Amino acid sequence: MMQAYKSEASPIVYYISGNEHNEWCLFLHAAFVSHKMFQAQISYFENKYNVLAVDIIGHGQSTDTKKGDSIDKMSAWIYDIMKTEKIEKVHIVGVSLGAVLAQDFANRYPNAVNSLACFGGYDINHFDMNMQKENGGAQIRMMLKALVSIKWFAKENKKISAYTLQAQNEFYDMNIQFPKKSFMYLASLNRMVNIHQTKPRMYPLLIGCGKFDIPMELAAVEMWKNSEPQAKVVIFENAGHCVNMDVPQKFNEVMEEFWETGRC
């Protein structure tokens, strides 16, 4: 059972399931939803790992903000949470926006990382400028829909965020709760992109996406693999962008093997 806690040093609400196991895993969710997108993972892993999940700023319960709070502070806030909970190292799993934050955390606090797994993301240290422009244009178009109607936005967003009908419906139910004002917290995302040089990783790296994700994402995974050949890659069949929601059982199996052996 996940217990909710409010960080004293930030607007972040985080969730913990037990602390009796030897290792911790941290789940970082996609944009416009909340930690609840990992419900299938939390249920599966809470009897084997200590689970930490957060609601990213502006999402879920993490909306009690003050002036100056922004998404590029997430890594520092997570690190403060780890110190509060006496967590030395974590296996980090990030999906989409969560994959960006996972990498930023690994850039800043590499000694706190046991392993890094990023899905539906891109290499933030070497993000191709043309791809960046294309991605930015797509985000602006989606944002305009949200400004007209969050329901319209969520209806369109679920189609590109998940592949299976069940996952689409679950994504939609979370997306319609996203406050319009929270878009402003996403504005500082570029402060994490192409800022750091990738250093030799002292932990295993897993990257991937769904077979039915957009072509740009599949290309981004391939580019990342080319720059870090030691990375493990998995392309999930019957899945789109949020692979953990589309194929939760397969996703859990892949993560379990990766955490136990460093392979997938």
C-alpha atoms as a PDB file:
ATOM      1  CA  MET A   1       0.000   0.000   0.000  1.00  0.00           C
ATOM      2  CA  MET A   2       1.474   3.322  -1.074  1.00  0.00           C
ATOM      3  CA  GLN A   3       1.662   6.035   1.573  1.00  0.00           C
ATOM      4  CA  ALA A   4       1.610   9.680   0.481  1.00  0.00           C
ATOM      5  CA  TYR A   5       4.036  12.235   1.896  1.00  0.00           C
ATOM      6  CA  LYS A   6       4.488  15.967   1.268  1.00  0.00           C
ATOM      7  CA  SER A   7       8.042  17.193   0.849  1.00  0.00           C
ATOM      8  CA  GLU A   8       8.810  20.077   3.199  1.00  0.00           C
ATOM      9  CA  ALA A   9      11.352  21.613   0.830  1.00  0.00           C
ATOM     10  CA  SER A  10       9.280  21.547  -2.361  1.00  0.00           C
ATOM     11  CA  PRO A  11       5.757  21.276  -3.784  1.00  0.00           C
ATOM     12  CA  ILE A  12       6.299  17.582  -4.470  1.00  0.00           C
ATOM     13  CA  VAL A  13       4.017  14.896  -3.100  1.00  0.00           C
ATOM     14  CA  TYR A  14       5.661  11.477  -3.123  1.00  0.00           C
ATOM     15  CA  TYR A  15       4.570   7.949  -2.414  1.00  0.00           C
ATOM     16  CA  ILE A  16       6.352   5.071  -0.703  1.00  0.00           C
ATOM     17  CA  SER A  17       5.463   1.408  -0.484  1.00  0.00           C
ATOM     18  CA  GLY A  18       7.437  -0.157   2.357  1.00  0.00           C
ATOM     19  CA  ASN A  19      11.105   0.033   3.275  1.00  0.00           C
ATOM     20  CA  GLU A  20      11.827  -3.531   4.351  1.00  0.00           C
ATOM     21  CA  HIS A  21      13.566  -4.612   1.135  1.00  0.00           C
ATOM     22  CA  ASN A  22      17.199  -4.188   0.141  1.00  0.00           C
ATOM     23  CA  GLU A  23      16.735  -2.084  -2.986  1.00  0.00           C
ATOM     24  CA  TRP A  24      14.688   0.910  -4.049  1.00  0.00           C
ATOM     25  CA  CYS A  25      13.059   1.693  -7.385  1.00  0.00           C
ATOM     26  CA  LEU A  26      11.842   5.134  -8.439  1.00  0.00           C
ATOM     27  CA  PHE A  27       9.100   5.674 -11.018  1.00  0.00           C
ATOM     28  CA  LEU A  28       8.807   8.980 -12.922  1.00  0.00           C
ATOM     29  CA  HIS A  29       5.619   9.405 -14.939  1.00  0.00           C
ATOM     30  CA  ALA A  30       4.734  10.937 -18.300  1.00  0.00           C
ATOM     31  CA  ALA A  31       3.357  14.434 -18.824  1.00  0.00           C
ATOM     32  CA  PHE A  32      -0.312  15.211 -18.068  1.00  0.00           C
ATOM     33  CA  VAL A  33      -0.909  12.181 -15.822  1.00  0.00           C
ATOM     34  CA  SER A  34       0.438  11.188 -12.389  1.00  0.00           C
ATOM     35  CA  HIS A  35       2.249   8.443 -10.493  1.00  0.00           C
ATOM     36  CA  LYS A  36      -0.925   6.368 -10.917  1.00  0.00           C
ATOM     37  CA  MET A  37       0.188   5.420 -14.437  1.00  0.00           C
ATOM     38  CA  PHE A  38       2.551   2.986 -12.674  1.00  0.00           C
ATOM     39  CA  GLN A  39      -0.147   1.221 -10.651  1.00  0.00           C
ATOM     40  CA  ALA A  40       0.549  -2.124 -12.348  1.00  0.00           C
ATOM     41  CA  GLN A  41       4.273  -1.776 -11.609  1.00  0.00           C
ATOM     42  CA  ILE A  42       3.754  -0.719  -8.006  1.00  0.00           C
ATOM     43  CA  SER A  43       1.472  -3.693  -7.358  1.00  0.00           C
ATOM     44  CA  TYR A  44       3.957  -6.065  -8.954  1.00  0.00           C
ATOM     45  CA  PHE A  45       7.173  -4.817  -7.376  1.00  0.00           C
ATOM     46  CA  GLU A  46       6.148  -3.681  -3.892  1.00  0.00           C
ATOM     47  CA  ASN A  47       6.695  -7.187  -2.485  1.00  0.00           C
ATOM     48  CA  LYS A  48      10.251  -7.312  -3.862  1.00  0.00           C
ATOM     49  CA  TYR A  49      11.489  -3.715  -3.814  1.00  0.00           C
ATOM     50  CA  ASN A  50      10.909  -0.556  -1.841  1.00  0.00           C
ATOM     51  CA  VAL A  51       8.941   1.605  -4.268  1.00  0.00           C
ATOM     52  CA  LEU A  52       9.211   5.387  -4.524  1.00  0.00           C
ATOM     53  CA  ALA A  53       6.989   7.351  -6.903  1.00  0.00           C
ATOM     54  CA  VAL A  54       6.395  11.068  -7.249  1.00  0.00           C
ATOM     55  CA  ASP A  55       3.863  13.390  -8.793  1.00  0.00           C
ATOM     56  CA  ILE A  56       5.908  15.742 -11.003  1.00  0.00           C
ATOM     57  CA  ILE A  57       5.357  19.456 -10.360  1.00  0.00           C
ATOM     58  CA  GLY A  58       1.966  20.592 -11.650  1.00  0.00           C
ATOM     59  CA  HIS A  59       0.711  17.003 -11.874  1.00  0.00           C
ATOM     60  CA  GLY A  60      -1.364  14.882  -9.525  1.00  0.00           C
ATOM     61  CA  GLN A  61      -1.125  16.236  -5.988  1.00  0.00           C
ATOM     62  CA  SER A  62       2.038  18.301  -6.592  1.00  0.00           C
ATOM     63  CA  THR A  63       0.222  21.571  -7.278  1.00  0.00           C
ATOM     64  CA  ASP A  64       0.868  23.528  -4.068  1.00  0.00           C
ATOM     65  CA  THR A  65       3.573  25.658  -5.681  1.00  0.00           C
ATOM     66  CA  LYS A  66       5.207  28.986  -5.015  1.00  0.00           C
ATOM     67  CA  LYS A  67       6.805  31.589  -7.273  1.00  0.00           C
ATOM     68  CA  GLY A  68      10.012  30.305  -8.846  1.00  0.00           C
ATOM     69  CA  ASP A  69       9.102  26.618  -8.707  1.00  0.00           C
ATOM     70  CA  SER A  70       9.818  24.908 -12.033  1.00  0.00           C
ATOM     71  CA  ILE A  71      10.348  21.470 -13.477  1.00  0.00           C
ATOM     72  CA  ASP A  72      14.123  21.843 -13.825  1.00  0.00           C
ATOM     73  CA  LYS A  73      14.300  21.701 -10.010  1.00  0.00           C
ATOM     74  CA  MET A  74      12.784  18.222  -9.899  1.00  0.00           C
ATOM     75  CA  SER A  75      16.130  16.397  -9.626  1.00  0.00           C
ATOM     76  CA  ALA A  76      17.184  18.417  -6.580  1.00  0.00           C
ATOM     77  CA  TRP A  77      13.777  17.897  -4.997  1.00  0.00           C
ATOM     78  CA  ILE A  78      13.943  14.132  -5.583  1.00  0.00           C
ATOM     79  CA  TYR A  79      17.443  14.012  -4.125  1.00  0.00           C
ATOM     80  CA  ASP A  80      16.169  15.854  -1.030  1.00  0.00           C
ATOM     81  CA  ILE A  81      13.365  13.296  -0.725  1.00  0.00           C
ATOM     82  CA  MET A  82      15.920  10.488  -0.904  1.00  0.00           C
ATOM     83  CA  LYS A  83      17.977  12.089   1.861  1.00  0.00           C
ATOM     84  CA  THR A  84      14.848  12.537   3.988  1.00  0.00           C
ATOM     85  CA  GLU A  85      13.913   8.879   3.527  1.00  0.00           C
ATOM     86  CA  LYS A  86      17.538   7.715   3.916  1.00  0.00           C
ATOM     87  CA  ILE A  87      17.640   6.243   0.404  1.00  0.00           C
ATOM     88  CA  GLU A  88      21.196   5.949  -0.894  1.00  0.00           C
ATOM     89  CA  LYS A  89      20.582   4.543  -4.385  1.00  0.00           C
ATOM     90  CA  VAL A  90      17.639   3.860  -6.679  1.00  0.00           C
ATOM     91  CA  HIS A  91      16.765   2.000  -9.833  1.00  0.00           C
ATOM     92  CA  ILE A  92      15.188   4.804 -11.891  1.00  0.00           C
ATOM     93  CA  VAL A  93      12.410   4.223 -14.424  1.00  0.00           C
ATOM     94  CA  GLY A  94      11.177   7.145 -16.504  1.00  0.00           C
ATOM     95  CA  VAL A  95       8.533   7.204 -19.210  1.00  0.00           C
ATOM     96  CA  SER A  96       8.298  10.111 -21.691  1.00  0.00           C
ATOM     97  CA  LEU A  97       8.652  13.288 -19.577  1.00  0.00           C
ATOM     98  CA  GLY A  98       9.788  11.012 -16.761  1.00  0.00           C
ATOM     99  CA  ALA A  99      12.627   9.780 -18.996  1.00  0.00           C
ATOM    100  CA  VAL A 100      13.895  13.357 -19.322  1.00  0.00           C
ATOM    101  CA  LEU A 101      13.810  13.837 -15.555  1.00  0.00           C
ATOM    102  CA  ALA A 102      15.426  10.438 -14.960  1.00  0.00           C
ATOM    103  CA  GLN A 103      18.377  11.402 -17.153  1.00  0.00           C
ATOM    104  CA  ASP A 104      18.693  14.827 -15.564  1.00  0.00           C
ATOM    105  CA  PHE A 105      18.829  13.176 -12.141  1.00  0.00           C
ATOM    106  CA  ALA A 106      21.477  10.727 -13.374  1.00  0.00           C
ATOM    107  CA  ASN A 107      23.501  13.624 -14.819  1.00  0.00           C
ATOM    108  CA  ARG A 108      23.451  15.470 -11.509  1.00  0.00           C
ATOM    109  CA  TYR A 109      23.597  12.609  -8.998  1.00  0.00           C
ATOM    110  CA  PRO A 110      25.234   9.620 -10.721  1.00  0.00           C
ATOM    111  CA  ASN A 111      26.330   8.071  -7.422  1.00  0.00           C
ATOM    112  CA  ALA A 112      22.686   7.778  -6.368  1.00  0.00           C
ATOM    113  CA  VAL A 113      21.774   5.636  -9.398  1.00  0.00           C
ATOM    114  CA  ASN A 114      21.704   1.821  -9.360  1.00  0.00           C
ATOM    115  CA  SER A 115      20.340   1.602 -12.902  1.00  0.00           C
ATOM    116  CA  LEU A 116      18.623   3.865 -15.422  1.00  0.00           C
ATOM    117  CA  ALA A 117      15.705   2.873 -17.660  1.00  0.00           C
ATOM    118  CA  CYS A 118      14.126   5.339 -20.076  1.00  0.00           C
ATOM    119  CA  PHE A 119      11.139   4.663 -22.330  1.00  0.00           C
ATOM    120  CA  GLY A 120       9.464   6.918 -24.877  1.00  0.00           C
ATOM    121  CA  GLY A 121      12.286   9.423 -24.435  1.00  0.00           C
ATOM    122  CA  TYR A 122      15.437  10.672 -26.099  1.00  0.00           C
ATOM    123  CA  ASP A 123      19.051  11.291 -25.159  1.00  0.00           C
ATOM    124  CA  ILE A 124      18.827  14.719 -23.501  1.00  0.00           C
ATOM    125  CA  ASN A 125      22.594  15.192 -23.698  1.00  0.00           C
ATOM    126  CA  HIS A 126      22.649  14.801 -27.491  1.00  0.00           C
ATOM    127  CA  PHE A 127      19.218  15.860 -28.717  1.00  0.00           C
ATOM    128  CA  ASP A 128      19.265  16.518 -32.462  1.00  0.00           C
ATOM    129  CA  MET A 129      18.245  20.115 -33.245  1.00  0.00           C
ATOM    130  CA  ASN A 130      15.909  19.170 -36.108  1.00  0.00           C
ATOM    131  CA  MET A 131      14.222  16.584 -33.935  1.00  0.00           C
ATOM    132  CA  GLN A 132      14.005  19.159 -31.149  1.00  0.00           C
ATOM    133  CA  LYS A 133      12.186  21.612 -33.433  1.00  0.00           C
ATOM    134  CA  GLU A 134       9.775  18.925 -34.612  1.00  0.00           C
ATOM    135  CA  ASN A 135       9.079  17.855 -31.053  1.00  0.00           C
ATOM    136  CA  GLY A 136       8.553  21.443 -29.943  1.00  0.00           C
ATOM    137  CA  GLY A 137       6.109  22.096 -32.776  1.00  0.00           C
ATOM    138  CA  ALA A 138       4.066  19.025 -31.862  1.00  0.00           C
ATOM    139  CA  GLN A 139       3.943  20.126 -28.226  1.00  0.00           C
ATOM    140  CA  ILE A 140       2.707  23.603 -29.166  1.00  0.00           C
ATOM    141  CA  ARG A 141      -0.086  22.148 -31.298  1.00  0.00           C
ATOM    142  CA  MET A 142      -1.204  19.909 -28.444  1.00  0.00           C
ATOM    143  CA  MET A 143      -1.027  22.808 -25.981  1.00  0.00           C
ATOM    144  CA  LEU A 144      -3.325  24.919 -28.145  1.00  0.00           C
ATOM    145  CA  LYS A 145      -5.916  22.148 -28.022  1.00  0.00           C
ATOM    146  CA  ALA A 146      -5.615  22.057 -24.232  1.00  0.00           C
ATOM    147  CA  LEU A 147      -6.189  25.810 -23.977  1.00  0.00           C
ATOM    148  CA  VAL A 148      -9.461  25.356 -25.854  1.00  0.00           C
ATOM    149  CA  SER A 149     -10.580  22.273 -23.902  1.00  0.00           C
ATOM    150  CA  ILE A 150      -8.770  19.862 -21.608  1.00  0.00           C
ATOM    151  CA  LYS A 151     -11.274  17.155 -22.602  1.00  0.00           C
ATOM    152  CA  TRP A 152     -10.487  17.686 -26.297  1.00  0.00           C
ATOM    153  CA  PHE A 153      -6.799  17.695 -25.494  1.00  0.00           C
ATOM    154  CA  ALA A 154      -7.069  14.501 -23.433  1.00  0.00           C
ATOM    155  CA  LYS A 155      -9.125  12.790 -26.122  1.00  0.00           C
ATOM    156  CA  GLU A 156      -6.462  13.515 -28.750  1.00  0.00           C
ATOM    157  CA  ASN A 157      -3.545  12.928 -26.381  1.00  0.00           C
ATOM    158  CA  LYS A 158      -4.622   9.427 -25.359  1.00  0.00           C
ATOM    159  CA  LYS A 159      -4.327   8.269 -28.983  1.00  0.00           C
ATOM    160  CA  ILE A 160      -0.637   9.168 -29.200  1.00  0.00           C
ATOM    161  CA  SER A 161       0.156   8.240 -25.598  1.00  0.00           C
ATOM    162  CA  ALA A 162      -1.143   4.669 -25.541  1.00  0.00           C
ATOM    163  CA  TYR A 163      -1.913   1.911 -28.032  1.00  0.00           C
ATOM    164  CA  THR A 164      -4.382  -0.407 -26.313  1.00  0.00           C
ATOM    165  CA  LEU A 165      -7.934   0.753 -25.624  1.00  0.00           C
ATOM    166  CA  GLN A 166      -7.646   0.050 -21.905  1.00  0.00           C
ATOM    167  CA  ALA A 167      -4.432   2.066 -21.577  1.00  0.00           C
ATOM    168  CA  GLN A 168      -5.927   4.902 -23.621  1.00  0.00           C
ATOM    169  CA  ASN A 169      -8.932   5.085 -21.308  1.00  0.00           C
ATOM    170  CA  GLU A 170      -6.731   5.016 -18.212  1.00  0.00           C
ATOM    171  CA  PHE A 171      -4.536   7.759 -19.650  1.00  0.00           C
ATOM    172  CA  TYR A 172      -7.583   9.880 -20.499  1.00  0.00           C
ATOM    173  CA  ASP A 173      -8.983   9.586 -16.971  1.00  0.00           C
ATOM    174  CA  MET A 174      -5.741  10.983 -15.566  1.00  0.00           C
ATOM    175  CA  ASN A 175      -5.205  13.559 -18.319  1.00  0.00           C
ATOM    176  CA  ILE A 176      -8.542  15.344 -17.818  1.00  0.00           C
ATOM    177  CA  GLN A 177      -7.441  16.161 -14.262  1.00  0.00           C
ATOM    178  CA  PHE A 178      -4.363  18.069 -15.502  1.00  0.00           C
ATOM    179  CA  PRO A 179      -4.744  21.795 -14.665  1.00  0.00           C
ATOM    180  CA  LYS A 180      -4.219  24.186 -17.582  1.00  0.00           C
ATOM    181  CA  LYS A 181      -2.059  26.452 -15.425  1.00  0.00           C
ATOM    182  CA  SER A 182       0.449  23.611 -15.000  1.00  0.00           C
ATOM    183  CA  PHE A 183       1.647  24.042 -18.582  1.00  0.00           C
ATOM    184  CA  MET A 184       3.826  26.884 -17.328  1.00  0.00           C
ATOM    185  CA  TYR A 185       5.918  24.469 -15.260  1.00  0.00           C
ATOM    186  CA  LEU A 186       6.922  22.610 -18.428  1.00  0.00           C
ATOM    187  CA  ALA A 187       8.437  25.746 -19.952  1.00  0.00           C
ATOM    188  CA  SER A 188      11.844  25.165 -18.339  1.00  0.00           C
ATOM    189  CA  LEU A 189      12.315  21.669 -19.782  1.00  0.00           C
ATOM    190  CA  ASN A 190      14.911  22.980 -22.225  1.00  0.00           C
ATOM    191  CA  ARG A 191      17.161  23.839 -19.280  1.00  0.00           C
ATOM    192  CA  MET A 192      17.885  20.115 -19.017  1.00  0.00           C
ATOM    193  CA  VAL A 193      18.536  19.447 -22.724  1.00  0.00           C
ATOM    194  CA  ASN A 194      22.019  19.519 -24.292  1.00  0.00           C
ATOM    195  CA  ILE A 195      23.477  20.965 -21.090  1.00  0.00           C
ATOM    196  CA  HIS A 196      25.585  18.073 -19.782  1.00  0.00           C
ATOM    197  CA  GLN A 197      28.171  15.851 -21.415  1.00  0.00           C
ATOM    198  CA  THR A 198      27.476  12.145 -21.000  1.00  0.00           C
ATOM    199  CA  LYS A 199      30.046  10.671 -18.647  1.00  0.00           C
ATOM    200  CA  PRO A 200      30.957   6.969 -18.430  1.00  0.00           C
ATOM    201  CA  ARG A 201      28.032   5.302 -16.702  1.00  0.00           C
ATOM    202  CA  MET A 202      28.826   3.220 -13.636  1.00  0.00           C
ATOM    203  CA  TYR A 203      25.398   1.615 -13.834  1.00  0.00           C
ATOM    204  CA  PRO A 204      23.441  -0.262 -16.550  1.00  0.00           C
ATOM    205  CA  LEU A 205      21.295   1.705 -19.019  1.00  0.00           C
ATOM    206  CA  LEU A 206      18.093   0.445 -20.651  1.00  0.00           C
ATOM    207  CA  ILE A 207      16.272   2.407 -23.349  1.00  0.00           C
ATOM    208  CA  GLY A 208      13.257   1.636 -25.485  1.00  0.00           C
ATOM    209  CA  CYS A 209       9.755   2.409 -26.668  1.00  0.00           C
ATOM    210  CA  GLY A 210       6.704   0.760 -28.146  1.00  0.00           C
ATOM    211  CA  LYS A 211       6.667  -0.586 -31.706  1.00  0.00           C
ATOM    212  CA  PHE A 212       3.659   1.655 -32.411  1.00  0.00           C
ATOM    213  CA  ASP A 213       5.148   4.835 -30.947  1.00  0.00           C
ATOM    214  CA  ILE A 214       5.633   7.706 -33.411  1.00  0.00           C
ATOM    215  CA  PRO A 215       8.482   7.270 -35.946  1.00  0.00           C
ATOM    216  CA  MET A 216      10.434  10.137 -34.357  1.00  0.00           C
ATOM    217  CA  GLU A 217      10.604   8.209 -31.081  1.00  0.00           C
ATOM    218  CA  LEU A 218      11.859   5.035 -32.749  1.00  0.00           C
ATOM    219  CA  ALA A 219      14.520   7.139 -34.489  1.00  0.00           C
ATOM    220  CA  ALA A 220      15.456   8.771 -31.178  1.00  0.00           C
ATOM    221  CA  VAL A 221      16.021   5.365 -29.559  1.00  0.00           C
ATOM    222  CA  GLU A 222      18.222   4.288 -32.465  1.00  0.00           C
ATOM    223  CA  MET A 223      20.270   7.513 -32.260  1.00  0.00           C
ATOM    224  CA  TRP A 224      20.716   7.063 -28.523  1.00  0.00           C
ATOM    225  CA  LYS A 225      21.879   3.478 -28.997  1.00  0.00           C
ATOM    226  CA  ASN A 226      24.430   4.668 -31.550  1.00  0.00           C
ATOM    227  CA  SER A 227      25.887   7.157 -29.079  1.00  0.00           C
ATOM    228  CA  GLU A 228      25.876   4.685 -26.170  1.00  0.00           C
ATOM    229  CA  PRO A 229      26.422   1.206 -27.664  1.00  0.00           C
ATOM    230  CA  GLN A 230      26.542  -0.416 -24.228  1.00  0.00           C
ATOM    231  CA  ALA A 231      22.888   0.470 -23.624  1.00  0.00           C
ATOM    232  CA  LYS A 232      20.335  -2.318 -23.662  1.00  0.00           C
ATOM    233  CA  VAL A 233      17.415  -1.692 -26.036  1.00  0.00           C
ATOM    234  CA  VAL A 234      13.900  -3.103 -25.979  1.00  0.00           C
ATOM    235  CA  ILE A 235      11.097  -2.360 -28.448  1.00  0.00           C
ATOM    236  CA  PHE A 236       7.807  -3.571 -27.003  1.00  0.00           C
ATOM    237  CA  GLU A 237       5.352  -5.318 -29.316  1.00  0.00           C
ATOM    238  CA  ASN A 238       1.690  -4.235 -29.107  1.00  0.00           C
ATOM    239  CA  ALA A 239       2.646  -0.988 -27.367  1.00  0.00           C
ATOM    240  CA  GLY A 240       2.740   2.708 -28.127  1.00  0.00           C
ATOM    241  CA  HIS A 241       4.275   5.547 -26.136  1.00  0.00           C
ATOM    242  CA  CYS A 242       3.463   4.597 -22.537  1.00  0.00           C
ATOM    243  CA  VAL A 243       4.697   1.032 -22.772  1.00  0.00           C
ATOM    244  CA  ASN A 244       4.211   0.244 -19.090  1.00  0.00           C
ATOM    245  CA  MET A 245       0.473   0.873 -19.469  1.00  0.00           C
ATOM    246  CA  ASP A 246       0.033  -0.894 -22.806  1.00  0.00           C
ATOM    247  CA  VAL A 247       1.858  -4.110 -21.909  1.00  0.00           C
ATOM    248  CA  PRO A 248       2.274  -4.045 -18.117  1.00  0.00           C
ATOM    249  CA  GLN A 249       3.081  -7.744 -17.672  1.00  0.00           C
ATOM    250  CA  LYS A 250       5.807  -7.750 -20.307  1.00  0.00           C
ATOM    251  CA  PHE A 251       7.142  -4.438 -19.017  1.00  0.00           C
ATOM    252  CA  ASN A 252       7.369  -5.788 -15.473  1.00  0.00           C
ATOM    253  CA  GLU A 253       9.204  -8.894 -16.664  1.00  0.00           C
ATOM    254  CA  VAL A 254      11.708  -6.796 -18.616  1.00  0.00           C
ATOM    255  CA  MET A 255      12.351  -4.510 -15.648  1.00  0.00           C
ATOM    256  CA  GLU A 256      12.735  -7.407 -13.231  1.00  0.00           C
ATOM    257  CA  GLU A 257      15.322  -9.138 -15.417  1.00  0.00           C
ATOM    258  CA  PHE A 258      17.159  -5.852 -16.000  1.00  0.00           C
ATOM    259  CA  TRP A 259      17.352  -5.076 -12.289  1.00  0.00           C
ATOM    260  CA  GLU A 260      18.454  -8.585 -11.393  1.00  0.00           C
ATOM    261  CA  THR A 261      20.990  -9.209 -14.175  1.00  0.00           C
ATOM    262  CA  GLY A 262      21.666  -5.895 -15.944  1.00  0.00           C
ATOM    263  CA  ARG A 263      20.161  -7.421 -19.098  1.00  0.00           C
ATOM    264  CA  CYS A 264      16.750  -7.358 -20.752  1.00  0.00           C
END
